[in-house]
C-alpha atoms as a PDB file:
ATOM      1  CA  UNK A   1     -72.099-158.573 -42.761  1.00  0.00           C
ATOM      2  CA  UNK A   2     -71.033-159.946 -45.973  1.00  0.00           C
ATOM      3  CA  UNK A   3     -71.086-156.786 -47.719  1.00  0.00           C
ATOM      4  CA  UNK A   4     -69.506-154.812 -44.679  1.00  0.00           C
ATOM      5  CA  UNK A   5     -66.740-157.395 -44.568  1.00  0.00           C
ATOM      6  CA  UNK A   6     -66.106-157.119 -48.439  1.00  0.00           C
ATOM      7  CA  UNK A   7     -66.090-153.423 -47.993  1.00  0.00           C
ATOM      8  CA  UNK A   8     -63.345-153.605 -45.525  1.00  0.00           C
ATOM      9  CA  UNK A   9     -61.277-155.709 -47.591  1.00  0.00           C
ATOM     10  CA  UNK A  10     -61.406-153.499 -50.461  1.00  0.00           C
ATOM     11  CA  UNK A  11     -60.911-150.471 -48.500  1.00  0.00           C
ATOM     12  CA  UNK A  12     -56.978-151.361 -48.763  1.00  0.00           C
ATOM     13  CA  UNK A  13     -57.156-151.851 -52.211  1.00  0.00           C
ATOM     14  CA  UNK A  14     -58.838-148.470 -53.172  1.00  0.00           C
ATOM     15  CA  UNK A  15     -56.689-145.488 -54.580  1.00  0.00           C
ATOM     16  CA  UNK A  16     -56.580-142.449 -52.163  1.00  0.00           C
ATOM     17  CA  UNK A  17     -58.783-140.120 -54.279  1.00  0.00           C
ATOM     18  CA  UNK A  18     -60.426-136.653 -53.306  1.00  0.00           C
ATOM     19  CA  UNK A  19     -63.933-137.441 -51.696  1.00  0.00           C
ATOM     20  CA  UNK A  20     -65.507-135.194 -54.266  1.00  0.00           C
ATOM     21  CA  UNK A  21     -64.747-136.957 -57.592  1.00  0.00           C
ATOM     22  CA  UNK A  22     -67.251-139.665 -56.845  1.00  0.00           C
ATOM     23  CA  UNK A  23     -67.639-140.987 -60.180  1.00  0.00           C
ATOM     24  CA  UNK A  24     -64.113-141.998 -60.294  1.00  0.00           C
ATOM     25  CA  UNK A  25     -64.381-143.801 -56.804  1.00  0.00           C
ATOM     26  CA  UNK A  26     -67.501-145.543 -58.074  1.00  0.00           C
ATOM     27  CA  UNK A  27     -65.544-147.113 -61.107  1.00  0.00           C
ATOM     28  CA  UNK A  28     -62.547-147.958 -58.912  1.00  0.00           C
ATOM     29  CA  UNK A  29     -64.561-149.794 -56.605  1.00  0.00           C
ATOM     30  CA  UNK A  30     -66.327-151.694 -59.468  1.00  0.00           C
ATOM     31  CA  UNK A  31     -62.896-152.641 -60.950  1.00  0.00           C
ATOM     32  CA  UNK A  32     -61.837-154.032 -57.565  1.00  0.00           C
ATOM     33  CA  UNK A  33     -64.538-156.004 -57.232  1.00  0.00           C
ATOM     34  CA  UNK A  34     -64.137-157.500 -60.788  1.00  0.00           C
ATOM     35  CA  UNK A  35     -60.542-158.069 -60.085  1.00  0.00           C
ATOM     36  CA  UNK A  36     -61.600-160.268 -56.736  1.00  0.00           C
ATOM     37  CA  UNK A  37     -64.308-162.258 -58.784  1.00  0.00           C
ATOM     38  CA  UNK A  38     -66.894-160.616 -56.929  1.00  0.00           C
ATOM     39  CA  UNK A  39     -69.129-159.939 -59.556  1.00  0.00           C
ATOM     40  CA  UNK A  40     -70.941-162.881 -58.980  1.00  0.00           C
ATOM     41  CA  UNK A  41     -72.425-161.580 -55.705  1.00  0.00           C
ATOM     42  CA  UNK A  42     -75.317-159.867 -57.014  1.00  0.00           C
ATOM     43  CA  UNK A  43     -75.794-157.421 -53.967  1.00  0.00           C
ATOM     44  CA  UNK A  44     -72.551-156.004 -54.267  1.00  0.00           C
ATOM     45  CA  UNK A  45     -72.943-155.729 -58.296  1.00  0.00           C
ATOM     46  CA  UNK A  46     -76.368-153.673 -57.546  1.00  0.00           C
ATOM     47  CA  UNK A  47     -74.494-151.496 -54.903  1.00  0.00           C
ATOM     48  CA  UNK A  48     -72.107-150.824 -57.480  1.00  0.00           C
ATOM     49  CA  UNK A  49     -74.257-149.716 -59.992  1.00  0.00           C
ATOM     50  CA  UNK A  50     -76.596-147.737 -57.764  1.00  0.00           C
ATOM     51  CA  UNK A  51     -73.284-145.646 -56.800  1.00  0.00           C
ATOM     52  CA  UNK A  52     -72.723-144.872 -60.546  1.00  0.00           C
ATOM     53  CA  UNK A  53     -76.042-143.640 -61.293  1.00  0.00           C
ATOM     54  CA  UNK A  54     -76.252-141.403 -58.600  1.00  0.00           C
ATOM     55  CA  UNK A  55     -72.857-139.874 -58.960  1.00  0.00           C
ATOM     56  CA  UNK A  56     -73.274-139.621 -62.583  1.00  0.00           C
ATOM     57  CA  UNK A  57     -76.362-137.718 -62.291  1.00  0.00           C
ATOM     58  CA  UNK A  58     -74.852-135.368 -59.973  1.00  0.00           C
ATOM     59  CA  UNK A  59     -71.852-134.861 -62.009  1.00  0.00           C
ATOM     60  CA  UNK A  60     -74.063-134.269 -65.026  1.00  0.00           C
ATOM     61  CA  UNK A  61     -76.567-132.000 -63.321  1.00  0.00           C
ATOM     62  CA  UNK A  62     -73.481-129.518 -62.314  1.00  0.00           C
ATOM     63  CA  UNK A  63     -72.270-129.270 -65.914  1.00  0.00           C
ATOM     64  CA  UNK A  64     -74.504-126.835 -68.054  1.00  0.00           C
ATOM     65  CA  UNK A  65     -76.427-127.825 -71.168  1.00  0.00           C
ATOM     66  CA  UNK A  66     -76.091-126.520 -74.432  1.00  0.00           C
ATOM     67  CA  UNK A  67     -79.800-124.995 -74.153  1.00  0.00           C
ATOM     68  CA  UNK A  68     -78.799-123.363 -70.968  1.00  0.00           C
ATOM     69  CA  UNK A  69     -75.572-121.813 -72.439  1.00  0.00           C
ATOM     70  CA  UNK A  70     -77.812-120.436 -75.304  1.00  0.00           C
ATOM     71  CA  UNK A  71     -80.099-119.037 -72.659  1.00  0.00           C
ATOM     72  CA  UNK A  72     -77.390-117.445 -70.715  1.00  0.00           C
ATOM     73  CA  UNK A  73     -75.807-116.053 -73.723  1.00  0.00           C
ATOM     74  CA  UNK A  74     -79.362-114.586 -74.827  1.00  0.00           C
ATOM     75  CA  UNK A  75     -79.767-112.806 -71.474  1.00  0.00           C
ATOM     76  CA  UNK A  76     -76.103-111.155 -71.596  1.00  0.00           C
ATOM     77  CA  UNK A  77     -76.900-109.895 -75.210  1.00  0.00           C
ATOM     78  CA  UNK A  78     -80.304-108.548 -73.950  1.00  0.00           C
ATOM     79  CA  UNK A  79     -78.467-107.097 -71.005  1.00  0.00           C
ATOM     80  CA  UNK A  80     -75.795-105.202 -73.201  1.00  0.00           C
ATOM     81  CA  UNK A  81     -77.823-103.057 -74.886  1.00  0.00           C
ATOM     82  CA  UNK A  82     -79.582-101.836 -71.774  1.00  0.00           C
ATOM     83  CA  UNK A  83     -75.984-100.793 -70.633  1.00  0.00           C
ATOM     84  CA  UNK A  84     -75.331 -98.718 -73.908  1.00  0.00           C
ATOM     85  CA  UNK A  85     -78.658 -97.038 -73.477  1.00  0.00           C
ATOM     86  CA  UNK A  86     -77.761 -95.685 -69.903  1.00  0.00           C
ATOM     87  CA  UNK A  87     -74.320 -94.370 -71.467  1.00  0.00           C
ATOM     88  CA  UNK A  88     -76.182 -92.765 -74.140  1.00  0.00           C
ATOM     89  CA  UNK A  89     -78.523 -91.127 -71.801  1.00  0.00           C
ATOM     90  CA  UNK A  90     -75.528 -90.075 -69.656  1.00  0.00           C
ATOM     91  CA  UNK A  91     -73.692 -88.565 -72.544  1.00  0.00           C
ATOM     92  CA  UNK A  92     -76.822 -86.773 -73.762  1.00  0.00           C
ATOM     93  CA  UNK A  93     -77.111 -85.333 -70.173  1.00  0.00           C
ATOM     94  CA  UNK A  94     -73.536 -84.163 -70.283  1.00  0.00           C
ATOM     95  CA  UNK A  95     -74.043 -82.852 -73.945  1.00  0.00           C
ATOM     96  CA  UNK A  96     -77.305 -80.633 -72.653  1.00  0.00           C
ATOM     97  CA  UNK A  97     -74.884 -78.017 -70.818  1.00  0.00           C
ATOM     98  CA  UNK A  98     -73.092 -77.536 -73.701  1.00  0.00           C
ATOM     99  CA  UNK A  99     -76.228 -76.613 -75.475  1.00  0.00           C
ATOM    100  CA  UNK A 100     -77.266 -74.300 -73.006  1.00  0.00           C
ATOM    101  CA  UNK A 101     -73.574 -72.657 -73.429  1.00  0.00           C
ATOM    102  CA  UNK A 102     -73.985 -72.408 -77.045  1.00  0.00           C
ATOM    103  CA  UNK A 103     -77.361 -70.629 -76.462  1.00  0.00           C
ATOM    104  CA  UNK A 104     -75.747 -67.988 -74.004  1.00  0.00           C
ATOM    105  CA  UNK A 105     -72.756 -67.293 -76.326  1.00  0.00           C
ATOM    106  CA  UNK A 106     -75.328 -66.440 -79.163  1.00  0.00           C
ATOM    107  CA  UNK A 107     -77.322 -64.463 -76.719  1.00  0.00           C
ATOM    108  CA  UNK A 108     -74.302 -62.042 -75.858  1.00  0.00           C
ATOM    109  CA  UNK A 109     -74.151 -60.482 -79.125  1.00  0.00           C
ATOM    110  CA  UNK A 110     -77.650 -59.341 -79.214  1.00  0.00           C
ATOM    111  CA  UNK A 111     -76.996 -57.523 -75.888  1.00  0.00           C
ATOM    112  CA  UNK A 112     -73.783 -55.799 -77.795  1.00  0.00           C
ATOM    113  CA  UNK A 113     -76.089 -54.903 -80.607  1.00  0.00           C
ATOM    114  CA  UNK A 114     -78.806 -53.346 -78.411  1.00  0.00           C
ATOM    115  CA  UNK A 115     -76.193 -51.488 -76.729  1.00  0.00           C
ATOM    116  CA  UNK A 116     -75.139 -49.919 -79.945  1.00  0.00           C
ATOM    117  CA  UNK A 117     -78.581 -49.162 -81.094  1.00  0.00           C
ATOM    118  CA  UNK A 118     -79.042 -47.327 -78.066  1.00  0.00           C
ATOM    119  CA  UNK A 119     -76.009 -45.067 -78.426  1.00  0.00           C
ATOM    120  CA  UNK A 120     -76.989 -44.524 -81.874  1.00  0.00           C
ATOM    121  CA  UNK A 121     -80.271 -43.140 -80.709  1.00  0.00           C
ATOM    122  CA  UNK A 122     -78.451 -40.369 -78.515  1.00  0.00           C
ATOM    123  CA  UNK A 123     -78.536 -37.303 -80.793  1.00  0.00           C
ATOM    124  CA  UNK A 124     -74.983 -35.908 -80.957  1.00  0.00           C
ATOM    125  CA  UNK A 125     -74.687 -32.344 -79.320  1.00  0.00           C
ATOM    126  CA  UNK A 126     -74.271 -29.654 -81.864  1.00  0.00           C
ATOM    127  CA  UNK A 127     -71.515 -27.392 -81.130  1.00  0.00           C
ATOM    128  CA  UNK A 128     -73.027 -23.862 -80.726  1.00  0.00           C
ATOM    129  CA  UNK A 129     -71.171 -21.456 -83.055  1.00  0.00           C
ATOM    130  CA  UNK A 130     -69.825 -18.287 -81.208  1.00  0.00           C
ATOM    131  CA  UNK A 131     -71.696 -15.467 -81.795  1.00  0.00           C
ATOM    132  CA  UNK A 132     -69.491 -12.457 -83.328  1.00  0.00           C
ATOM    133  CA  UNK A 133     -70.150  -9.337 -81.277  1.00  0.00           C
ATOM    134  CA  UNK A 134     -70.150  -5.903 -82.829  1.00  0.00           C
ATOM    135  CA  UNK A 135     -67.659  -3.087 -81.644  1.00  0.00           C
ATOM    136  CA  UNK A 136     -70.572  -1.879 -79.423  1.00  0.00           C
ATOM    137  CA  UNK A 137     -71.080  -5.189 -77.890  1.00  0.00           C
ATOM    138  CA  UNK A 138     -67.285  -5.591 -76.879  1.00  0.00           C
ATOM    139  CA  UNK A 139     -67.243  -2.109 -75.599  1.00  0.00           C
ATOM    140  CA  UNK A 140     -70.232  -2.812 -73.243  1.00  0.00           C
ATOM    141  CA  UNK A 141     -68.879  -6.350 -72.362  1.00  0.00           C
ATOM    142  CA  UNK A 142     -65.529  -4.612 -71.486  1.00  0.00           C
ATOM    143  CA  UNK A 143     -67.239  -2.209 -69.148  1.00  0.00           C
ATOM    144  CA  UNK A 144     -69.241  -5.104 -67.354  1.00  0.00           C
ATOM    145  CA  UNK A 145     -65.825  -6.548 -67.010  1.00  0.00           C
ATOM    146  CA  UNK A 146     -64.264  -3.501 -65.274  1.00  0.00           C
ATOM    147  CA  UNK A 147     -67.109  -2.652 -63.082  1.00  0.00           C
ATOM    148  CA  UNK A 148     -66.971  -6.405 -61.896  1.00  0.00           C
ATOM    149  CA  UNK A 149     -63.201  -5.845 -61.129  1.00  0.00           C
ATOM    150  CA  UNK A 150     -63.654  -2.161 -59.763  1.00  0.00           C
ATOM    151  CA  UNK A 151     -65.206  -3.758 -56.486  1.00  0.00           C
ATOM    152  CA  UNK A 152     -68.457  -1.981 -55.029  1.00  0.00           C
ATOM    153  CA  UNK A 153     -68.000  -0.171 -51.781  1.00  0.00           C
ATOM    154  CA  UNK A 154     -71.074  -1.639 -49.587  1.00  0.00           C
ATOM    155  CA  UNK A 155     -71.640   1.963 -47.865  1.00  0.00           C
ATOM    156  CA  UNK A 156     -71.304   5.746 -48.629  1.00  0.00           C
ATOM    157  CA  UNK A 157     -67.780   7.055 -48.165  1.00  0.00           C
ATOM    158  CA  UNK A 158     -68.955  10.556 -47.912  1.00  0.00           C
ATOM    159  CA  UNK A 159     -67.898  13.267 -45.082  1.00  0.00           C
ATOM    160  CA  UNK A 160     -71.111  13.314 -42.951  1.00  0.00           C
ATOM    161  CA  UNK A 161     -72.139  16.923 -42.086  1.00  0.00           C
ATOM    162  CA  UNK A 162     -74.134  18.423 -39.170  1.00  0.00           C
ATOM    163  CA  UNK A 163     -76.881  19.455 -41.564  1.00  0.00           C
ATOM    164  CA  UNK A 164     -77.169  15.867 -42.848  1.00  0.00           C
ATOM    165  CA  UNK A 165     -77.475  14.542 -39.356  1.00  0.00           C
ATOM    166  CA  UNK A 166     -80.386  16.976 -38.488  1.00  0.00           C
ATOM    167  CA  UNK A 167     -82.001  16.513 -41.700  1.00  0.00           C
ATOM    168  CA  UNK A 168     -82.295  12.880 -41.202  1.00  0.00           C
ATOM    169  CA  UNK A 169     -83.418  12.961 -37.653  1.00  0.00           C
ATOM    170  CA  UNK A 170     -86.519  15.622 -38.331  1.00  0.00           C
ATOM    171  CA  UNK A 171     -87.585  13.718 -41.541  1.00  0.00           C
ATOM    172  CA  UNK A 172     -87.334  10.342 -39.953  1.00  0.00           C
ATOM    173  CA  UNK A 173     -91.058  10.302 -38.709  1.00  0.00           C
ATOM    174  CA  UNK A 174     -92.194  11.130 -42.392  1.00  0.00           C
ATOM    175  CA  UNK A 175     -93.870  14.230 -40.862  1.00  0.00           C
ATOM    176  CA  UNK A 176     -91.623  16.643 -42.476  1.00  0.00           C
ATOM    177  CA  UNK A 177     -89.921  16.417 -45.533  1.00  0.00           C
ATOM    178  CA  UNK A 178     -86.181  16.343 -46.535  1.00  0.00           C
ATOM    179  CA  UNK A 179     -86.515  19.808 -48.194  1.00  0.00           C
ATOM    180  CA  UNK A 180     -88.185  21.259 -45.297  1.00  0.00           C
ATOM    181  CA  UNK A 181     -86.024  19.722 -42.637  1.00  0.00           C
ATOM    182  CA  UNK A 182     -82.827  21.113 -44.342  1.00  0.00           C
ATOM    183  CA  UNK A 183     -84.714  24.761 -44.447  1.00  0.00           C
ATOM    184  CA  UNK A 184     -85.153  24.286 -40.499  1.00  0.00           C
ATOM    185  CA  UNK A 185     -81.495  23.815 -40.183  1.00  0.00           C
ATOM    186  CA  UNK A 186     -80.523  27.320 -40.978  1.00  0.00           C
ATOM    187  CA  UNK A 187     -83.049  28.462 -38.040  1.00  0.00           C
ATOM    188  CA  UNK A 188     -81.812  26.303 -35.222  1.00  0.00           C
ATOM    189  CA  UNK A 189     -79.716  28.129 -32.690  1.00  0.00           C
ATOM    190  CA  UNK A 190     -75.572  27.757 -32.815  1.00  0.00           C
ATOM    191  CA  UNK A 191     -75.616  25.357 -29.664  1.00  0.00           C
ATOM    192  CA  UNK A 192     -77.550  23.028 -31.502  1.00  0.00           C
ATOM    193  CA  UNK A 193     -75.601  23.142 -34.529  1.00  0.00           C
ATOM    194  CA  UNK A 194     -72.391  22.378 -32.715  1.00  0.00           C
ATOM    195  CA  UNK A 195     -74.513  19.341 -31.221  1.00  0.00           C
ATOM    196  CA  UNK A 196     -75.240  17.998 -34.731  1.00  0.00           C
ATOM    197  CA  UNK A 197     -71.561  18.810 -35.812  1.00  0.00           C
ATOM    198  CA  UNK A 198     -70.190  16.644 -33.121  1.00  0.00           C
ATOM    199  CA  UNK A 199     -72.758  13.847 -34.016  1.00  0.00           C
ATOM    200  CA  UNK A 200     -71.706  13.988 -37.669  1.00  0.00           C
ATOM    201  CA  UNK A 201     -67.911  13.697 -36.826  1.00  0.00           C
ATOM    202  CA  UNK A 202     -68.504  10.742 -34.697  1.00  0.00           C
ATOM    203  CA  UNK A 203     -70.442   9.359 -37.502  1.00  0.00           C
ATOM    204  CA  UNK A 204     -67.770  10.029 -40.076  1.00  0.00           C
ATOM    205  CA  UNK A 205     -65.202   8.370 -37.736  1.00  0.00           C
ATOM    206  CA  UNK A 206     -67.404   5.399 -37.606  1.00  0.00           C
ATOM    207  CA  UNK A 207     -67.703   5.258 -41.760  1.00  0.00           C
ATOM    208  CA  UNK A 208     -64.058   5.500 -41.727  1.00  0.00           C
ATOM    209  CA  UNK A 209     -63.372   2.750 -39.697  1.00  0.00           C
ATOM    210  CA  UNK A 210     -65.788   0.394 -41.636  1.00  0.00           C
ATOM    211  CA  UNK A 211     -64.213   1.787 -44.780  1.00  0.00           C
ATOM    212  CA  UNK A 212     -60.691   0.922 -43.785  1.00  0.00           C
ATOM    213  CA  UNK A 213     -62.013  -2.460 -42.500  1.00  0.00           C
ATOM    214  CA  UNK A 214     -63.600  -3.470 -45.601  1.00  0.00           C
ATOM    215  CA  UNK A 215     -60.416  -2.270 -47.755  1.00  0.00           C
ATOM    216  CA  UNK A 216     -58.340  -4.752 -45.459  1.00  0.00           C
ATOM    217  CA  UNK A 217     -60.920  -7.656 -46.180  1.00  0.00           C
ATOM    218  CA  UNK A 218     -59.260  -7.449 -49.610  1.00  0.00           C
ATOM    219  CA  UNK A 219     -55.757  -8.024 -50.743  1.00  0.00           C
ATOM    220  CA  UNK A 220     -53.510  -5.148 -51.626  1.00  0.00           C
ATOM    221  CA  UNK A 221     -53.212  -6.530 -55.134  1.00  0.00           C
ATOM    222  CA  UNK A 222     -57.074  -6.838 -55.524  1.00  0.00           C
ATOM    223  CA  UNK A 223     -57.405  -3.021 -54.459  1.00  0.00           C
ATOM    224  CA  UNK A 224     -54.473  -2.196 -57.054  1.00  0.00           C
ATOM    225  CA  UNK A 225     -56.281  -3.958 -59.883  1.00  0.00           C
ATOM    226  CA  UNK A 226     -59.658  -2.419 -58.694  1.00  0.00           C
ATOM    227  CA  UNK A 227     -58.440   1.240 -58.980  1.00  0.00           C
ATOM    228  CA  UNK A 228     -56.895   0.528 -62.391  1.00  0.00           C
ATOM    229  CA  UNK A 229     -60.576  -0.497 -63.519  1.00  0.00           C
ATOM    230  CA  UNK A 230     -61.674   2.217 -61.716  1.00  0.00           C
ATOM    231  CA  UNK A 231     -59.853   4.987 -63.450  1.00  0.00           C
ATOM    232  CA  UNK A 232     -60.403   3.182 -66.931  1.00  0.00           C
ATOM    233  CA  UNK A 233     -64.200   3.464 -66.257  1.00  0.00           C
ATOM    234  CA  UNK A 234     -63.449   7.316 -65.451  1.00  0.00           C
ATOM    235  CA  UNK A 235     -62.237   7.774 -68.874  1.00  0.00           C
ATOM    236  CA  UNK A 236     -64.848   5.511 -70.668  1.00  0.00           C
ATOM    237  CA  UNK A 237     -67.914   6.934 -69.000  1.00  0.00           C
ATOM    238  CA  UNK A 238     -66.918  10.590 -68.696  1.00  0.00           C
ATOM    239  CA  UNK A 239     -69.766  12.649 -70.215  1.00  0.00           C
ATOM    240  CA  UNK A 240     -71.850   9.617 -70.195  1.00  0.00           C
ATOM    241  CA  UNK A 241     -73.025   9.287 -66.794  1.00  0.00           C
ATOM    242  CA  UNK A 242     -74.248  11.675 -64.199  1.00  0.00           C
ATOM    243  CA  UNK A 243     -71.620  11.367 -61.366  1.00  0.00           C
ATOM    244  CA  UNK A 244     -68.319   9.394 -61.603  1.00  0.00           C
ATOM    245  CA  UNK A 245     -67.835   9.362 -57.623  1.00  0.00           C
ATOM    246  CA  UNK A 246     -68.890   5.568 -57.718  1.00  0.00           C
ATOM    247  CA  UNK A 247     -65.453   5.061 -59.299  1.00  0.00           C
ATOM    248  CA  UNK A 248     -63.201   7.063 -57.253  1.00  0.00           C
ATOM    249  CA  UNK A 249     -59.863   5.954 -56.275  1.00  0.00           C
ATOM    250  CA  UNK A 250     -60.318   3.323 -53.124  1.00  0.00           C
ATOM    251  CA  UNK A 251     -57.817   4.806 -50.519  1.00  0.00           C
ATOM    252  CA  UNK A 252     -55.402   1.893 -49.274  1.00  0.00           C
ATOM    253  CA  UNK A 253     -53.133   3.054 -46.445  1.00  0.00           C
ATOM    254  CA  UNK A 254     -51.111  -0.251 -47.240  1.00  0.00           C
ATOM    255  CA  UNK A 255     -50.059   0.916 -50.546  1.00  0.00           C
ATOM    256  CA  UNK A 256     -46.671   2.509 -51.157  1.00  0.00           C
ATOM    257  CA  UNK A 257     -46.465   6.466 -51.552  1.00  0.00           C
ATOM    258  CA  UNK A 258     -45.548   7.691 -54.772  1.00  0.00           C
ATOM    259  CA  UNK A 259     -42.399   9.596 -55.434  1.00  0.00           C
ATOM    260  CA  UNK A 260     -43.312  13.538 -56.448  1.00  0.00           C
ATOM    261  CA  UNK A 261     -41.877  14.858 -59.589  1.00  0.00           C
ATOM    262  CA  UNK A 262     -39.189  17.414 -59.020  1.00  0.00           C
ATOM    263  CA  UNK A 263     -41.144  20.199 -60.038  1.00  0.00           C
ATOM    264  CA  UNK A 264     -44.194  19.124 -57.768  1.00  0.00           C
ATOM    265  CA  UNK A 265     -41.674  19.310 -55.076  1.00  0.00           C
ATOM    266  CA  UNK A 266     -40.779  22.949 -55.852  1.00  0.00           C
ATOM    267  CA  UNK A 267     -44.347  23.727 -56.446  1.00  0.00           C
ATOM    268  CA  UNK A 268     -45.467  22.237 -52.667  1.00  0.00           C
ATOM    269  CA  UNK A 269     -42.505  24.316 -51.187  1.00  0.00           C
ATOM    270  CA  UNK A 270     -43.616  27.630 -52.769  1.00  0.00           C
ATOM    271  CA  UNK A 271     -47.221  27.291 -51.815  1.00  0.00           C
ATOM    272  CA  UNK A 272     -46.319  26.633 -48.477  1.00  0.00           C
ATOM    273  CA  UNK A 273     -44.092  29.914 -48.188  1.00  0.00           C
ATOM    274  CA  UNK A 274     -47.379  32.062 -48.301  1.00  0.00           C
ATOM    275  CA  UNK A 275     -46.401  34.189 -51.186  1.00  0.00           C
ATOM    276  CA  UNK A 276     -49.598  33.156 -53.198  1.00  0.00           C
ATOM    277  CA  UNK A 277     -52.219  33.868 -50.801  1.00  0.00           C
ATOM    278  CA  UNK A 278     -55.334  34.968 -52.151  1.00  0.00           C
ATOM    279  CA  UNK A 279     -54.068  33.996 -55.789  1.00  0.00           C
ATOM    280  CA  UNK A 280     -56.164  31.599 -57.801  1.00  0.00           C
ATOM    281  CA  UNK A 281     -54.541  28.374 -58.125  1.00  0.00           C
ATOM    282  CA  UNK A 282     -54.285  28.460 -61.786  1.00  0.00           C
ATOM    283  CA  UNK A 283     -52.480  31.588 -61.611  1.00  0.00           C
ATOM    284  CA  UNK A 284     -50.309  30.657 -58.965  1.00  0.00           C
ATOM    285  CA  UNK A 285     -49.007  27.551 -60.977  1.00  0.00           C
ATOM    286  CA  UNK A 286     -48.288  29.563 -63.972  1.00  0.00           C
ATOM    287  CA  UNK A 287     -46.055  31.778 -61.854  1.00  0.00           C
ATOM    288  CA  UNK A 288     -44.447  28.986 -60.163  1.00  0.00           C
ATOM    289  CA  UNK A 289     -44.024  26.996 -63.358  1.00  0.00           C
ATOM    290  CA  UNK A 290     -42.226  30.370 -64.826  1.00  0.00           C
ATOM    291  CA  UNK A 291     -39.653  30.320 -61.863  1.00  0.00           C
ATOM    292  CA  UNK A 292     -38.941  26.417 -62.189  1.00  0.00           C
ATOM    293  CA  UNK A 293     -37.878  27.038 -65.500  1.00  0.00           C
ATOM    294  CA  UNK A 294     -35.666  30.014 -64.639  1.00  0.00           C
ATOM    295  CA  UNK A 295     -33.787  27.975 -62.169  1.00  0.00           C
ATOM    296  CA  UNK A 296     -30.243  26.386 -62.837  1.00  0.00           C
ATOM    297  CA  UNK A 297     -29.286  23.256 -62.889  1.00  0.00           C
ATOM    298  CA  UNK A 298     -27.419  23.174 -59.665  1.00  0.00           C
ATOM    299  CA  UNK A 299     -30.557  24.970 -57.794  1.00  0.00           C
ATOM    300  CA  UNK A 300     -32.862  21.848 -59.322  1.00  0.00           C
ATOM    301  CA  UNK A 301     -30.406  19.273 -57.903  1.00  0.00           C
ATOM    302  CA  UNK A 302     -31.739  19.206 -54.473  1.00  0.00           C
ATOM    303  CA  UNK A 303     -35.214  18.686 -55.720  1.00  0.00           C
ATOM    304  CA  UNK A 304     -34.273  16.288 -58.250  1.00  0.00           C
ATOM    305  CA  UNK A 305     -32.185  14.093 -55.699  1.00  0.00           C
ATOM    306  CA  UNK A 306     -35.098  13.910 -53.296  1.00  0.00           C
ATOM    307  CA  UNK A 307     -37.132  12.582 -56.194  1.00  0.00           C
ATOM    308  CA  UNK A 308     -34.771   9.756 -57.022  1.00  0.00           C
ATOM    309  CA  UNK A 309     -34.581   8.764 -53.369  1.00  0.00           C
ATOM    310  CA  UNK A 310     -38.225   8.464 -53.217  1.00  0.00           C
ATOM    311  CA  UNK A 311     -38.755   6.439 -56.681  1.00  0.00           C
ATOM    312  CA  UNK A 312     -36.085   4.017 -55.154  1.00  0.00           C
ATOM    313  CA  UNK A 313     -38.070   3.543 -51.946  1.00  0.00           C
ATOM    314  CA  UNK A 314     -41.378   3.407 -53.867  1.00  0.00           C
ATOM    315  CA  UNK A 315     -40.070   0.705 -56.108  1.00  0.00           C
ATOM    316  CA  UNK A 316     -38.659  -1.454 -53.165  1.00  0.00           C
ATOM    317  CA  UNK A 317     -42.167  -0.952 -51.093  1.00  0.00           C
ATOM    318  CA  UNK A 318     -44.238  -1.800 -54.565  1.00  0.00           C
ATOM    319  CA  UNK A 319     -42.557  -4.999 -54.982  1.00  0.00           C
ATOM    320  CA  UNK A 320     -42.887  -6.065 -51.249  1.00  0.00           C
ATOM    321  CA  UNK A 321     -46.844  -5.092 -50.913  1.00  0.00           C
ATOM    322  CA  UNK A 322     -47.894  -6.545 -54.541  1.00  0.00           C
ATOM    323  CA  UNK A 323     -45.192  -9.061 -55.468  1.00  0.00           C
ATOM    324  CA  UNK A 324     -44.326  -7.614 -58.705  1.00  0.00           C
ATOM    325  CA  UNK A 325     -42.041  -4.882 -59.888  1.00  0.00           C
ATOM    326  CA  UNK A 326     -43.468  -1.299 -60.845  1.00  0.00           C
ATOM    327  CA  UNK A 327     -43.314  -0.313 -64.226  1.00  0.00           C
ATOM    328  CA  UNK A 328     -42.181   3.140 -63.175  1.00  0.00           C
ATOM    329  CA  UNK A 329     -41.003   4.186 -59.831  1.00  0.00           C
ATOM    330  CA  UNK A 330     -41.052   7.986 -60.930  1.00  0.00           C
ATOM    331  CA  UNK A 331     -44.758   9.799 -60.305  1.00  0.00           C
END
């Protein structure tokens, strides 16, 4: 009871401090007792000392000792190198791709070298020297080119005769030769000959239609060039081949008709008169040429005018058909 009463009396004298600062509270409590001469009371003295010890120990326990501080510093020092190692690992991990890149960059030139070596291995194509042709070889080559340009007719253009039709019909089975069949044709009756002549005319008309169709399958300019090539082949191969019929002129009804020379017009007129009947052509030509030379200029003029008019027409048609101008309108 005494203690409780003393505490109540001293409560008003104690300063209002924070309850957390217990050491200061104990000291203030002790001083207040000393001022009131309460030190003689052993119980209160003991309580004050007890309070001082307990709060002193708690305060001392909260503050770290020097040994603890050293331990904490050592732990921190030990942890710092570990962090450095991890960063070093990270940096090394980042640097590894750079090494790969450098390796890939180094590998690229090797590929280029391989391509260069492969290109070097391919041997350069040697240019063949042009063969120098002899005059004979040049002539043969020119003839081949002319034959190619001359166009080959795919069927025969000869006129069919009754004898040919009869011979082909009799010798068809192979029992009779062509020679024997031709001889037998002389012994057949006139009615049979008339029959085979009729068949021959039909075959001739069929061949002409096919020939015309083949000619029209080519342009007029192609036929013109083919005729020029055929004319050149006739000159080059004359006396060197058995027949020049394969190089005969191709008849094209689309070609413009040439104008006749005044003398030729006069000659055609004189032959049509009948004055040179039963006279050889060569002899008739000699007589007609003498007559032409004896004509006066006024007598020749009608033939010359006709020829000039025909030449102008030919030049116009030539340009329309072939698309080029003719070198000479006169024949």
